[in-house]
Amino acid sequence: MPQLIVLEKIDGTPVSWRCSDCRQNFSVRGKFTVQERQKKITAEFKAHIEASHKSEALADGMAFAAGVRLPDYR
């Protein structure tokens, strides 16, 4: 499952991240509270996973169930 990796912090607060699987960058800059920033990045990353990694997760599950070797698509 992809995860967010922190790339940059300003005053100790993360403002830039990267997807652990595909290395796509995400950034939430500006005057936001920590809670607002977390809500925005969570929504963006969730949409990213649905659009870019959902089929990979399904393929992983199907390959496991069928007992076949997974393709190296990463």
C-alpha atoms as a PDB file:
ATOM      1  CA  MET A   1       0.000   0.000   0.000  1.00  0.00           C
ATOM      2  CA  PRO A   2       1.456   3.401  -0.954  1.00  0.00           C
ATOM      3  CA  GLN A   3       2.345   5.806   1.817  1.00  0.00           C
ATOM      4  CA  LEU A   4       3.225   9.488   2.001  1.00  0.00           C
ATOM      5  CA  ILE A   5       6.874  10.307   2.608  1.00  0.00           C
ATOM      6  CA  VAL A   6       7.633  13.780   3.971  1.00  0.00           C
ATOM      7  CA  LEU A   7       9.983  15.739   1.696  1.00  0.00           C
ATOM      8  CA  GLU A   8       9.956  19.200   3.236  1.00  0.00           C
ATOM      9  CA  LYS A   9       8.998  20.860   6.500  1.00  0.00           C
ATOM     10  CA  ILE A  10       8.589  24.520   7.339  1.00  0.00           C
ATOM     11  CA  ASP A  11       8.913  25.355  11.028  1.00  0.00           C
ATOM     12  CA  GLY A  12       8.603  21.645  11.815  1.00  0.00           C
ATOM     13  CA  THR A  13       5.347  21.236   9.888  1.00  0.00           C
ATOM     14  CA  PRO A  14       5.305  19.005   6.781  1.00  0.00           C
ATOM     15  CA  VAL A  15       4.310  20.886   3.608  1.00  0.00           C
ATOM     16  CA  SER A  16       5.563  18.569   0.851  1.00  0.00           C
ATOM     17  CA  TRP A  17       5.255  14.797   0.425  1.00  0.00           C
ATOM     18  CA  ARG A  18       5.919  12.029  -2.104  1.00  0.00           C
ATOM     19  CA  CYS A  19       4.067   8.791  -2.873  1.00  0.00           C
ATOM     20  CA  SER A  20       6.195   5.836  -1.782  1.00  0.00           C
ATOM     21  CA  ASP A  21       5.210   3.749  -4.822  1.00  0.00           C
ATOM     22  CA  CYS A  22       5.286   6.099  -7.810  1.00  0.00           C
ATOM     23  CA  ARG A  23       7.186   9.093  -6.382  1.00  0.00           C
ATOM     24  CA  GLN A  24       4.480  11.624  -7.341  1.00  0.00           C
ATOM     25  CA  ASN A  25       4.891  14.829  -5.336  1.00  0.00           C
ATOM     26  CA  PHE A  26       2.183  16.482  -3.265  1.00  0.00           C
ATOM     27  CA  SER A  27       2.328  19.912  -1.680  1.00  0.00           C
ATOM     28  CA  VAL A  28       0.011  21.884   0.580  1.00  0.00           C
ATOM     29  CA  ARG A  29       1.531  25.313   1.100  1.00  0.00           C
ATOM     30  CA  GLY A  30       0.011  28.504   2.305  1.00  0.00           C
ATOM     31  CA  LYS A  31      -1.577  29.675   5.491  1.00  0.00           C
ATOM     32  CA  PHE A  32      -3.372  26.589   6.726  1.00  0.00           C
ATOM     33  CA  THR A  33      -3.721  25.182  10.183  1.00  0.00           C
ATOM     34  CA  VAL A  34      -2.139  21.779  10.774  1.00  0.00           C
ATOM     35  CA  GLN A  35      -5.614  20.217  10.711  1.00  0.00           C
ATOM     36  CA  GLU A  36      -6.548  21.936   7.427  1.00  0.00           C
ATOM     37  CA  ARG A  37      -3.269  20.895   5.822  1.00  0.00           C
ATOM     38  CA  GLN A  38      -3.718  17.299   7.002  1.00  0.00           C
ATOM     39  CA  LYS A  39      -7.293  17.214   5.675  1.00  0.00           C
ATOM     40  CA  LYS A  40      -6.197  18.544   2.257  1.00  0.00           C
ATOM     41  CA  ILE A  41      -3.245  16.185   1.823  1.00  0.00           C
ATOM     42  CA  THR A  42      -5.297  13.207   2.980  1.00  0.00           C
ATOM     43  CA  ALA A  43      -7.999  13.965   0.402  1.00  0.00           C
ATOM     44  CA  GLU A  44      -5.443  14.489  -2.385  1.00  0.00           C
ATOM     45  CA  PHE A  45      -3.572  11.294  -1.551  1.00  0.00           C
ATOM     46  CA  LYS A  46      -6.765   9.261  -1.286  1.00  0.00           C
ATOM     47  CA  ALA A  47      -7.824  10.475  -4.755  1.00  0.00           C
ATOM     48  CA  HIS A  48      -4.339   9.653  -6.059  1.00  0.00           C
ATOM     49  CA  ILE A  49      -4.484   6.099  -4.690  1.00  0.00           C
ATOM     50  CA  GLU A  50      -7.939   5.549  -6.188  1.00  0.00           C
ATOM     51  CA  ALA A  51      -6.822   6.844  -9.598  1.00  0.00           C
ATOM     52  CA  SER A  52      -3.281   5.481  -9.793  1.00  0.00           C
ATOM     53  CA  HIS A  53      -2.912   2.482  -7.494  1.00  0.00           C
ATOM     54  CA  LYS A  54      -6.343   0.868  -7.172  1.00  0.00           C
ATOM     55  CA  SER A  55      -5.780  -1.488 -10.112  1.00  0.00           C
ATOM     56  CA  GLU A  56      -2.342  -2.440  -8.767  1.00  0.00           C
ATOM     57  CA  ALA A  57      -3.865  -3.410  -5.416  1.00  0.00           C
ATOM     58  CA  LEU A  58      -6.490  -5.521  -7.176  1.00  0.00           C
ATOM     59  CA  ALA A  59      -3.844  -7.189  -9.324  1.00  0.00           C
ATOM     60  CA  ASP A  60      -1.765  -7.997  -6.239  1.00  0.00           C
ATOM     61  CA  GLY A  61      -4.771  -9.670  -4.615  1.00  0.00           C
ATOM     62  CA  MET A  62      -5.710 -11.630  -7.723  1.00  0.00           C
ATOM     63  CA  ALA A  63      -2.140 -12.833  -8.290  1.00  0.00           C
ATOM     64  CA  PHE A  64      -1.913 -13.965  -4.669  1.00  0.00           C
ATOM     65  CA  ALA A  65      -5.235 -15.808  -4.913  1.00  0.00           C
ATOM     66  CA  ALA A  66      -4.183 -17.501  -8.152  1.00  0.00           C
ATOM     67  CA  GLY A  67      -0.747 -18.380  -6.769  1.00  0.00           C
ATOM     68  CA  VAL A  68       1.117 -16.687  -9.624  1.00  0.00           C
ATOM     69  CA  ARG A  69       4.172 -14.470  -9.533  1.00  0.00           C
ATOM     70  CA  LEU A  70       3.461 -10.723  -9.439  1.00  0.00           C
ATOM     71  CA  PRO A  71       4.678  -8.612 -12.354  1.00  0.00           C
ATOM     72  CA  ASP A  72       7.290  -5.997 -11.547  1.00  0.00           C
ATOM     73  CA  TYR A  73       5.327  -2.869 -12.509  1.00  0.00           C
ATOM     74  CA  ARG A  74       6.847  -0.543  -9.913  1.00  0.00           C
END
